[in-house]
């Protein structure tokens, strides 16, 4: 598999079935997508800002999380890692026990130190990547789509294991179905092995990003996560870290690549998605509980993030 595998704008990729291996990507901003994401670190370390906390995924560790929560690589060393995205709708369709799925709806990744399992998943990922890329190129097994999974791959992810996904007689579709069965087994093994639900923060300040700046950004992100359900002003966030509003906005944007306002919206959308999938609350109640100032703003941002209306998103997840 080609290790120069990822476009610099990884944060703009749509949700979909996706497997890649190589060095950490250049991530220009925090992002979110409606997938279950797995990071397998074979060599090196990944430094993340996830939700409101900085954390490190170390060598031999596996992290699994619902990527609707805002996250991004703040700074990472070169290394050998494996990334796996599974559309959240596909994950729910597996019908796993609630004891396994519920922890993924939390605010932090599940991380476990499992070097042998990490090596096994990375080895299988080579084959999964070829099969998924082959489905995107009509079964040719060529380079695939360099910019990430297209709609066809997402369709395979949603349809595999059903009459529509398995009955085509197409070798590429059959390969994706087999890959999905193996990916499901890998996810179940990861969930069974996961024992550390609260990641340890980096001990070295997260690499080349100054430790004080990382502390300020983490504190701002945490303040937003704690207060995004109510009306929130930039001045309130800045006061929490003893900065002026203009300085706070500059520090946050330069470090994580999105504005404070965009991060607030990410948090509200993630909360709305969680409530849509886990509660019977009415849409109007969810809009208010997630912190949106109006129903129109709720529909605009959630529909844009999910590619469908909130009600359609709820139906898909049930």
Protein backbone atom coordinates (compact mmCIF):
# COMPACT_ATOMS: atom_id res chain seq x y z
CA UNK A 1 0.00 0.00 0.00
CA UNK A 2 1.29 3.44 -0.90
CA UNK A 3 2.37 5.22 2.30
CA UNK A 4 2.00 8.68 0.72
CA UNK A 5 -1.63 7.98 1.20
CA UNK A 6 -3.36 11.05 2.45
CA UNK A 7 -4.23 14.47 1.13
CA UNK A 8 -3.24 17.41 3.34
CA UNK A 9 -6.91 18.32 3.72
CA UNK A 10 -7.82 15.16 5.61
CA UNK A 11 -10.18 17.17 7.78
CA UNK A 12 -12.38 17.87 4.75
CA UNK A 13 -12.98 14.21 3.92
CA UNK A 14 -16.61 13.04 4.07
CA UNK A 15 -17.77 10.26 6.35
CA UNK A 16 -17.33 6.80 4.88
CA UNK A 17 -15.53 3.48 5.02
CA UNK A 18 -11.82 4.29 4.97
CA UNK A 19 -8.60 2.44 5.80
CA UNK A 20 -5.08 3.85 5.50
CA UNK A 21 -1.63 3.26 6.98
CA UNK A 22 1.41 5.52 7.16
CA UNK A 23 2.85 8.53 8.96
CA UNK A 24 0.60 11.04 10.76
CA UNK A 25 -1.22 13.28 8.27
CA UNK A 26 -0.81 17.02 8.05
CA UNK A 27 -4.00 18.16 9.79
CA UNK A 28 -4.64 21.84 9.34
CA UNK A 29 -7.67 22.17 11.61
CA UNK A 30 -9.90 20.40 14.06
CA UNK A 31 -12.70 18.48 12.41
CA UNK A 32 -15.53 16.06 13.02
CA UNK A 33 -17.18 13.32 10.95
CA UNK A 34 -19.93 10.79 11.58
CA UNK A 35 -17.75 7.69 11.80
CA UNK A 36 -16.32 5.42 14.42
CA UNK A 37 -12.59 6.11 14.13
CA UNK A 38 -9.79 3.76 15.17
CA UNK A 39 -6.17 4.84 15.50
CA UNK A 40 -3.54 2.11 15.77
CA UNK A 41 -0.05 3.32 16.71
CA UNK A 42 2.71 0.87 15.74
CA UNK A 43 5.64 3.28 16.06
CA UNK A 44 5.72 6.87 17.25
CA UNK A 45 3.02 8.88 19.04
CA UNK A 46 -0.10 10.86 18.17
CA UNK A 47 -0.76 14.14 20.02
CA UNK A 48 -4.46 15.08 19.90
CA UNK A 49 -6.71 17.82 21.09
CA UNK A 50 -9.92 15.88 21.64
CA UNK A 51 -12.94 17.70 22.95
CA UNK A 52 -11.46 19.85 25.66
CA UNK A 53 -8.40 17.77 26.52
CA UNK A 54 -4.97 17.14 25.09
CA UNK A 55 -3.93 13.51 25.00
CA UNK A 56 -1.28 11.21 23.60
CA UNK A 57 -1.80 7.83 21.94
CA UNK A 58 1.45 6.00 22.45
CA UNK A 59 3.28 3.18 20.72
CA UNK A 60 1.41 -0.11 20.89
CA UNK A 61 -1.87 1.62 21.79
CA UNK A 62 -5.23 1.55 20.03
CA UNK A 63 -7.77 4.36 20.34
CA UNK A 64 -11.41 4.05 19.30
CA UNK A 65 -13.95 6.89 19.41
CA UNK A 66 -17.04 8.40 17.81
CA UNK A 67 -15.54 11.08 15.60
CA UNK A 68 -18.56 13.38 15.85
CA UNK A 69 -16.66 14.91 18.77
CA UNK A 70 -14.35 17.71 17.53
CA UNK A 71 -10.76 16.49 17.38
CA UNK A 72 -7.49 17.17 15.62
CA UNK A 73 -3.78 16.42 15.65
CA UNK A 74 -2.11 19.35 17.36
CA UNK A 75 1.38 18.03 16.83
CA UNK A 76 2.71 14.54 16.10
CA UNK A 77 6.00 12.87 15.38
CA UNK A 78 6.64 10.75 12.33
CA UNK A 79 5.78 7.11 12.76
CA UNK A 80 3.79 4.15 11.52
CA UNK A 81 0.07 4.34 12.22
CA UNK A 82 -3.11 2.79 10.90
CA UNK A 83 -6.39 4.70 10.59
CA UNK A 84 -9.79 3.09 10.18
CA UNK A 85 -13.13 4.88 9.74
CA UNK A 86 -16.44 2.98 9.88
CA UNK A 87 -19.64 4.95 9.11
CA UNK A 88 -21.57 5.32 12.34
CA UNK A 89 -24.74 3.98 10.70
CA UNK A 90 -22.83 0.82 9.76
CA UNK A 91 -21.51 0.48 13.31
CA UNK A 92 -25.04 0.74 14.72
CA UNK A 93 -26.30 -1.81 12.17
CA UNK A 94 -23.97 -4.41 13.67
CA UNK A 95 -26.27 -4.52 16.69
CA UNK A 96 -23.50 -4.75 19.27
CA UNK A 97 -24.46 -4.84 22.97
CA UNK A 98 -25.23 -1.47 24.52
CA UNK A 99 -22.46 -2.09 27.06
CA UNK A 100 -20.00 -1.84 24.15
CA UNK A 101 -21.61 0.95 22.12
CA UNK A 102 -22.54 3.33 24.95
CA UNK A 103 -18.93 4.20 25.96
CA UNK A 104 -18.24 5.43 22.41
CA UNK A 105 -20.86 8.16 22.82
CA UNK A 106 -18.79 9.73 25.58
CA UNK A 107 -16.54 12.73 25.32
CA UNK A 108 -13.23 10.85 25.26
CA UNK A 109 -11.71 7.96 23.29
CA UNK A 110 -11.33 4.47 24.66
CA UNK A 111 -7.63 3.65 24.63
CA UNK A 112 -5.91 0.38 25.33
CA UNK A 113 -2.31 -0.79 25.28
CA UNK A 114 -2.41 -3.91 23.09
CA UNK A 115 0.70 -4.19 20.89
CA UNK A 116 -0.09 -7.66 19.57
CA UNK A 117 -3.65 -6.72 18.63
CA UNK A 118 -2.34 -3.52 17.04
CA UNK A 119 0.05 -5.51 14.83
CA UNK A 120 -2.69 -7.93 13.80
CA UNK A 121 -5.08 -5.12 12.85
CA UNK A 122 -2.39 -3.26 10.90
CA UNK A 123 -1.53 -6.46 9.00
CA UNK A 124 -5.20 -7.03 8.08
CA UNK A 125 -5.65 -3.35 7.20
CA UNK A 126 -3.34 -3.78 4.21
CA UNK A 127 -5.85 -6.23 2.70
CA UNK A 128 -8.89 -4.18 3.73
CA UNK A 129 -7.42 -1.11 2.05
CA UNK A 130 -6.84 -2.98 -1.21
CA UNK A 131 -10.37 -4.39 -1.21
CA UNK A 132 -12.00 -1.04 -0.47
CA UNK A 133 -9.88 0.74 -3.08
CA UNK A 134 -10.73 -2.00 -5.57
CA UNK A 135 -14.43 -1.37 -5.03
CA UNK A 136 -13.94 2.33 -5.76
CA UNK A 137 -12.19 1.62 -9.07
CA UNK A 138 -14.60 -1.01 -10.34
CA UNK A 139 -12.62 -3.93 -8.88
CA UNK A 140 -9.35 -3.08 -10.60
CA UNK A 141 -7.39 -3.07 -7.33
CA UNK A 142 -5.56 0.08 -8.45
CA UNK A 143 -4.67 3.21 -6.55
CA UNK A 144 -8.25 4.08 -5.59
CA UNK A 145 -9.53 7.56 -4.86
CA UNK A 146 -6.66 9.68 -3.53
CA UNK A 147 -9.01 12.14 -1.88
CA UNK A 148 -10.72 9.54 0.30
CA UNK A 149 -13.88 7.46 0.09
CA UNK A 150 -16.56 8.48 -2.35
CA UNK A 151 -20.27 7.77 -2.27
CA UNK A 152 -19.76 4.29 -3.69
CA UNK A 153 -17.58 3.25 -0.77
CA UNK A 154 -20.10 4.66 1.68
CA UNK A 155 -22.83 2.70 -0.11
CA UNK A 156 -20.79 -0.49 0.30
CA UNK A 157 -20.39 0.30 3.98
CA UNK A 158 -24.13 0.74 4.43
CA UNK A 159 -25.18 -2.14 2.18
CA UNK A 160 -22.69 -4.90 2.95
CA UNK A 161 -24.27 -7.90 4.60
CA UNK A 162 -27.68 -7.21 3.05
CA UNK A 163 -29.31 -8.47 -0.11
CA UNK A 164 -28.36 -5.25 -1.85
CA UNK A 165 -24.71 -5.48 -0.78
CA UNK A 166 -24.06 -9.18 -1.24
CA UNK A 167 -26.28 -10.14 -4.14
CA UNK A 168 -24.53 -8.25 -6.90
CA UNK A 169 -22.20 -11.10 -7.84
CA UNK A 170 -19.44 -8.52 -8.19
CA UNK A 171 -16.05 -9.61 -6.85
CA UNK A 172 -15.21 -6.15 -5.54
CA UNK A 173 -18.47 -5.92 -3.58
CA UNK A 174 -17.83 -9.39 -2.17
CA UNK A 175 -14.36 -8.26 -1.06
CA UNK A 176 -15.81 -5.23 0.75
CA UNK A 177 -18.38 -7.44 2.48
CA UNK A 178 -15.65 -9.77 3.71
CA UNK A 179 -13.55 -6.80 4.80
CA UNK A 180 -16.48 -5.42 6.79
CA UNK A 181 -16.99 -8.71 8.59
CA UNK A 182 -13.31 -8.74 9.54
CA UNK A 183 -13.44 -5.05 10.54
CA UNK A 184 -16.46 -5.78 12.75
CA UNK A 185 -14.52 -8.56 14.46
CA UNK A 186 -11.54 -6.21 14.96
CA UNK A 187 -13.78 -3.50 16.45
CA UNK A 188 -15.30 -6.01 18.86
CA UNK A 189 -11.83 -7.15 19.94
CA UNK A 190 -10.78 -3.54 20.52
CA UNK A 191 -13.88 -2.78 22.57
CA UNK A 192 -13.34 -5.92 24.63
CA UNK A 193 -9.70 -5.00 25.25
CA UNK A 194 -10.31 -1.30 26.02
CA UNK A 195 -9.69 -0.63 29.69
CA UNK A 196 -8.51 2.98 29.89
CA UNK A 197 -11.46 5.26 29.16
CA UNK A 198 -9.70 8.44 30.35
CA UNK A 199 -6.53 9.07 28.29
CA UNK A 200 -3.39 10.28 29.93
CA UNK A 201 -2.33 13.80 28.89
CA UNK A 202 0.99 14.21 27.10
CA UNK A 203 3.92 14.57 29.48
CA UNK A 204 6.09 16.62 27.13
CA UNK A 205 3.70 19.44 26.25
CA UNK A 206 2.57 17.76 23.01
CA UNK A 207 5.72 18.12 20.95
CA UNK A 208 6.71 21.40 19.31
CA UNK A 209 3.55 23.31 20.30
CA UNK A 210 4.51 25.44 23.34
CA UNK A 211 3.18 23.88 26.51
CA UNK A 212 1.58 27.14 27.72
CA UNK A 213 -0.27 27.64 24.44
CA UNK A 214 -1.49 24.03 24.50
CA UNK A 215 -2.68 24.55 28.08
CA UNK A 216 -4.58 27.69 27.09
CA UNK A 217 -6.21 26.06 24.07
CA UNK A 218 -7.16 22.96 26.06
CA UNK A 219 -8.70 25.13 28.77
CA UNK A 220 -10.69 27.13 26.19
CA UNK A 221 -11.91 23.96 24.48
CA UNK A 222 -12.93 22.47 27.82
CA UNK A 223 -14.78 25.66 28.79
CA UNK A 224 -16.72 25.49 25.51
CA UNK A 225 -17.55 21.82 26.05
CA UNK A 226 -18.81 22.62 29.56
CA UNK A 227 -20.92 25.62 28.51
CA UNK A 228 -21.91 25.18 24.84
CA UNK A 229 -25.46 24.16 25.81
CA UNK A 230 -26.19 27.71 26.93
CA UNK A 231 -25.57 31.12 25.40
CA UNK A 232 -21.82 31.57 25.12
CA UNK A 233 -19.75 34.67 24.38
CA UNK A 234 -16.13 34.81 23.25
CA UNK A 235 -15.45 37.14 26.17
CA UNK A 236 -16.56 34.41 28.59
CA UNK A 237 -14.14 31.91 27.05
CA UNK A 238 -11.29 34.43 27.09
CA UNK A 239 -11.90 35.36 30.73
CA UNK A 240 -11.66 31.69 31.72
CA UNK A 241 -8.02 31.61 30.55
CA UNK A 242 -7.15 35.21 31.52
CA UNK A 243 -6.72 36.46 27.94
CA UNK A 244 -8.29 39.29 26.01
CA UNK A 245 -10.98 38.17 23.54
CA UNK A 246 -8.87 39.06 20.50
CA UNK A 247 -5.80 37.25 21.84
CA UNK A 248 -7.87 34.21 22.82
CA UNK A 249 -9.37 33.96 19.33
CA UNK A 250 -5.94 34.26 17.71
CA UNK A 251 -4.30 31.64 19.94
CA UNK A 252 -7.15 29.17 19.42
CA UNK A 253 -7.37 29.60 15.64
CA UNK A 254 -3.60 29.42 15.07
CA UNK A 255 -3.27 26.27 17.16
CA UNK A 256 -6.25 24.18 16.03
CA UNK A 257 -7.17 25.73 12.68
CA UNK A 258 -10.78 26.68 13.44
CA UNK A 259 -12.30 29.68 15.15
CA UNK A 260 -13.84 29.55 18.60
CA UNK A 261 -17.24 30.11 17.00
CA UNK A 262 -16.77 27.14 14.68
CA UNK A 263 -15.70 24.98 17.62
CA UNK A 264 -18.81 25.93 19.58
CA UNK A 265 -20.95 24.85 16.61
CA UNK A 266 -19.05 21.54 16.36
CA UNK A 267 -19.78 20.81 20.02
CA UNK A 268 -23.46 21.68 19.65
CA UNK A 269 -23.85 19.50 16.57
CA UNK A 270 -22.14 16.57 18.31
CA UNK A 271 -24.47 16.96 21.30
CA UNK A 272 -27.50 17.14 19.01
CA UNK A 273 -26.44 13.94 17.25
CA UNK A 274 -25.99 12.19 20.58
CA UNK A 275 -29.44 13.23 21.78
CA UNK A 276 -31.08 12.27 18.49
CA UNK A 277 -29.68 8.75 18.76
CA UNK A 278 -30.00 8.12 22.49
CA UNK A 279 -33.15 9.93 23.68
CA UNK A 280 -36.82 10.15 22.69
CA UNK A 281 -36.77 13.95 23.03
CA UNK A 282 -38.57 15.98 20.40
CA UNK A 283 -36.47 17.81 17.84
CA UNK A 284 -37.41 21.18 19.31
CA UNK A 285 -36.27 20.03 22.76
CA UNK A 286 -32.98 18.73 21.36
CA UNK A 287 -32.29 22.00 19.58
CA UNK A 288 -32.64 23.85 22.87
CA UNK A 289 -30.73 21.27 24.92
CA UNK A 290 -27.78 21.31 22.50
CA UNK A 291 -27.48 25.09 22.78
CA UNK A 292 -28.81 26.27 19.42
CA UNK A 293 -30.41 29.68 19.66
CA UNK A 294 -33.12 28.89 17.14
CA UNK A 295 -34.72 25.92 15.43
CA UNK A 296 -33.59 27.22 12.04
CA UNK A 297 -29.95 27.33 13.20
CA UNK A 298 -30.30 23.78 14.55
CA UNK A 299 -31.67 22.47 11.24
CA UNK A 300 -29.07 24.34 9.20
CA UNK A 301 -26.01 23.11 11.09
CA UNK A 302 -27.14 19.56 11.85
CA UNK A 303 -28.37 18.98 8.29
CA UNK A 304 -25.10 20.31 6.87
CA UNK A 305 -23.04 18.09 9.18
CA UNK A 306 -25.09 14.92 8.67
CA UNK A 307 -26.05 15.31 5.02
CA UNK A 308 -29.71 14.81 5.97
CA UNK A 309 -32.36 16.33 8.22
CA UNK A 310 -32.24 15.66 11.97
CA UNK A 311 -35.30 13.40 11.72
CA UNK A 312 -33.73 11.39 8.90
CA UNK A 313 -30.55 11.06 10.93
CA UNK A 314 -32.53 9.74 13.89
CA UNK A 315 -34.37 7.19 11.71
CA UNK A 316 -31.10 6.00 10.16
CA UNK A 317 -29.61 5.30 13.58
CA UNK A 318 -32.54 3.22 14.83
